[in-house]
Amino acid sequence: MPSSTQSFEILFDMTNDTGANVVLEMTPRIPGRTTKSVLLGKGRGISLVLDAGSTYQYTLLTDNIACQIS
Protein backbone atom coordinates (compact mmCIF):
# COMPACT_ATOMS: atom_id res chain seq x y z
CA MET A 1 0.00 0.00 0.00
CA PRO A 2 1.48 3.41 -0.90
CA SER A 3 2.28 5.81 1.89
CA SER A 4 2.48 9.58 1.93
CA THR A 5 5.93 11.12 1.56
CA GLN A 6 4.75 14.67 2.35
CA SER A 7 5.90 16.21 5.59
CA PHE A 8 3.17 17.64 7.77
CA GLU A 9 3.34 20.08 10.64
CA ILE A 10 1.87 19.51 14.08
CA LEU A 11 0.47 22.26 16.27
CA PHE A 12 1.32 21.95 19.99
CA ASP A 13 -0.87 24.20 22.15
CA MET A 14 -0.15 24.67 25.82
CA THR A 15 -2.12 26.83 28.23
CA ASN A 16 -1.10 27.47 31.83
CA ASP A 17 -4.26 26.66 33.78
CA THR A 18 -2.50 26.59 37.15
CA GLY A 19 -2.46 29.33 39.76
CA ALA A 20 1.28 29.95 39.37
CA ASN A 21 3.78 30.88 36.69
CA VAL A 22 5.15 28.01 34.60
CA VAL A 23 8.39 27.88 32.61
CA LEU A 24 8.47 25.82 29.43
CA GLU A 25 12.05 24.87 28.48
CA MET A 26 12.72 23.58 24.98
CA THR A 27 15.55 21.12 25.47
CA PRO A 28 17.90 20.98 22.47
CA ARG A 29 18.53 17.61 20.84
CA ILE A 30 21.86 18.80 19.40
CA PRO A 31 24.83 18.98 21.79
CA GLY A 32 26.19 22.49 22.24
CA ARG A 33 22.89 24.23 21.55
CA THR A 34 21.40 26.43 24.25
CA THR A 35 18.07 25.84 25.96
CA LYS A 36 15.25 28.24 25.14
CA SER A 37 12.69 29.11 27.80
CA VAL A 38 9.26 30.73 27.84
CA LEU A 39 7.60 32.08 31.00
CA LEU A 40 3.85 31.50 30.97
CA GLY A 41 1.87 33.48 33.51
CA LYS A 42 -1.52 32.40 34.84
CA GLY A 43 -3.93 31.85 31.96
CA ARG A 44 -1.30 32.46 29.28
CA GLY A 45 -0.65 30.07 26.43
CA ILE A 46 1.73 29.30 23.60
CA SER A 47 1.36 27.54 20.25
CA LEU A 48 4.34 25.79 18.67
CA VAL A 49 4.46 24.48 15.10
CA LEU A 50 6.45 21.24 15.05
CA ASP A 51 7.75 19.19 12.15
CA ALA A 52 6.16 15.75 11.94
CA GLY A 53 8.66 12.94 12.44
CA SER A 54 11.07 15.06 14.51
CA THR A 55 11.72 14.41 18.18
CA TYR A 56 11.18 17.22 20.66
CA GLN A 57 11.78 17.35 24.39
CA TYR A 58 10.37 19.91 26.81
CA THR A 59 10.54 20.48 30.55
CA LEU A 60 7.75 22.20 32.47
CA LEU A 61 8.90 23.88 35.66
CA THR A 62 6.84 25.28 38.53
CA ASP A 63 7.90 26.29 42.02
CA ASN A 64 8.67 22.75 43.15
CA ILE A 65 7.83 20.41 40.24
CA ALA A 66 9.66 19.55 37.02
CA CYS A 67 7.89 17.49 34.36
CA GLN A 68 9.46 16.28 31.10
CA ILE A 69 7.49 15.87 27.86
CA SER A 70 8.89 14.20 24.75
C-alpha atoms as a PDB file:
ATOM      1  CA  MET A   1       0.000   0.000   0.000  1.00  0.00           C
ATOM      2  CA  PRO A   2       1.477   3.415  -0.902  1.00  0.00           C
ATOM      3  CA  SER A   3       2.278   5.807   1.887  1.00  0.00           C
ATOM      4  CA  SER A   4       2.476   9.580   1.934  1.00  0.00           C
ATOM      5  CA  THR A   5       5.926  11.122   1.565  1.00  0.00           C
ATOM      6  CA  GLN A   6       4.751  14.670   2.346  1.00  0.00           C
ATOM      7  CA  SER A   7       5.902  16.212   5.586  1.00  0.00           C
ATOM      8  CA  PHE A   8       3.169  17.640   7.773  1.00  0.00           C
ATOM      9  CA  GLU A   9       3.344  20.082  10.641  1.00  0.00           C
ATOM     10  CA  ILE A  10       1.869  19.506  14.080  1.00  0.00           C
ATOM     11  CA  LEU A  11       0.469  22.257  16.272  1.00  0.00           C
ATOM     12  CA  PHE A  12       1.324  21.951  19.987  1.00  0.00           C
ATOM     13  CA  ASP A  13      -0.872  24.199  22.146  1.00  0.00           C
ATOM     14  CA  MET A  14      -0.146  24.670  25.819  1.00  0.00           C
ATOM     15  CA  THR A  15      -2.122  26.832  28.232  1.00  0.00           C
ATOM     16  CA  ASN A  16      -1.104  27.474  31.827  1.00  0.00           C
ATOM     17  CA  ASP A  17      -4.260  26.664  33.777  1.00  0.00           C
ATOM     18  CA  THR A  18      -2.499  26.590  37.151  1.00  0.00           C
ATOM     19  CA  GLY A  19      -2.459  29.331  39.757  1.00  0.00           C
ATOM     20  CA  ALA A  20       1.284  29.953  39.374  1.00  0.00           C
ATOM     21  CA  ASN A  21       3.784  30.880  36.687  1.00  0.00           C
ATOM     22  CA  VAL A  22       5.150  28.006  34.604  1.00  0.00           C
ATOM     23  CA  VAL A  23       8.394  27.884  32.615  1.00  0.00           C
ATOM     24  CA  LEU A  24       8.469  25.816  29.425  1.00  0.00           C
ATOM     25  CA  GLU A  25      12.045  24.870  28.478  1.00  0.00           C
ATOM     26  CA  MET A  26      12.723  23.584  24.984  1.00  0.00           C
ATOM     27  CA  THR A  27      15.549  21.120  25.469  1.00  0.00           C
ATOM     28  CA  PRO A  28      17.902  20.976  22.468  1.00  0.00           C
ATOM     29  CA  ARG A  29      18.526  17.612  20.835  1.00  0.00           C
ATOM     30  CA  ILE A  30      21.857  18.797  19.397  1.00  0.00           C
ATOM     31  CA  PRO A  31      24.834  18.984  21.787  1.00  0.00           C
ATOM     32  CA  GLY A  32      26.193  22.490  22.245  1.00  0.00           C
ATOM     33  CA  ARG A  33      22.887  24.234  21.550  1.00  0.00           C
ATOM     34  CA  THR A  34      21.403  26.431  24.255  1.00  0.00           C
ATOM     35  CA  THR A  35      18.069  25.843  25.961  1.00  0.00           C
ATOM     36  CA  LYS A  36      15.249  28.236  25.135  1.00  0.00           C
ATOM     37  CA  SER A  37      12.686  29.112  27.803  1.00  0.00           C
ATOM     38  CA  VAL A  38       9.265  30.730  27.843  1.00  0.00           C
ATOM     39  CA  LEU A  39       7.595  32.076  30.996  1.00  0.00           C
ATOM     40  CA  LEU A  40       3.845  31.496  30.967  1.00  0.00           C
ATOM     41  CA  GLY A  41       1.869  33.481  33.513  1.00  0.00           C
ATOM     42  CA  LYS A  42      -1.520  32.396  34.844  1.00  0.00           C
ATOM     43  CA  GLY A  43      -3.935  31.854  31.960  1.00  0.00           C
ATOM     44  CA  ARG A  44      -1.300  32.462  29.283  1.00  0.00           C
ATOM     45  CA  GLY A  45      -0.652  30.072  26.426  1.00  0.00           C
ATOM     46  CA  ILE A  46       1.728  29.296  23.604  1.00  0.00           C
ATOM     47  CA  SER A  47       1.362  27.544  20.252  1.00  0.00           C
ATOM     48  CA  LEU A  48       4.335  25.793  18.671  1.00  0.00           C
ATOM     49  CA  VAL A  49       4.462  24.477  15.104  1.00  0.00           C
ATOM     50  CA  LEU A  50       6.445  21.241  15.051  1.00  0.00           C
ATOM     51  CA  ASP A  51       7.751  19.186  12.148  1.00  0.00           C
ATOM     52  CA  ALA A  52       6.164  15.746  11.938  1.00  0.00           C
ATOM     53  CA  GLY A  53       8.660  12.941  12.440  1.00  0.00           C
ATOM     54  CA  SER A  54      11.066  15.060  14.515  1.00  0.00           C
ATOM     55  CA  THR A  55      11.721  14.406  18.184  1.00  0.00           C
ATOM     56  CA  TYR A  56      11.178  17.215  20.662  1.00  0.00           C
ATOM     57  CA  GLN A  57      11.783  17.355  24.392  1.00  0.00           C
ATOM     58  CA  TYR A  58      10.371  19.911  26.812  1.00  0.00           C
ATOM     59  CA  THR A  59      10.541  20.477  30.546  1.00  0.00           C
ATOM     60  CA  LEU A  60       7.755  22.197  32.472  1.00  0.00           C
ATOM     61  CA  LEU A  61       8.902  23.883  35.658  1.00  0.00           C
ATOM     62  CA  THR A  62       6.838  25.279  38.525  1.00  0.00           C
ATOM     63  CA  ASP A  63       7.904  26.294  42.020  1.00  0.00           C
ATOM     64  CA  ASN A  64       8.668  22.749  43.149  1.00  0.00           C
ATOM     65  CA  ILE A  65       7.829  20.405  40.238  1.00  0.00           C
ATOM     66  CA  ALA A  66       9.660  19.554  37.017  1.00  0.00           C
ATOM     67  CA  CYS A  67       7.893  17.491  34.356  1.00  0.00           C
ATOM     68  CA  GLN A  68       9.461  16.277  31.102  1.00  0.00           C
ATOM     69  CA  ILE A  69       7.494  15.872  27.862  1.00  0.00           C
ATOM     70  CA  SER A  70       8.894  14.203  24.752  1.00  0.00           C
END
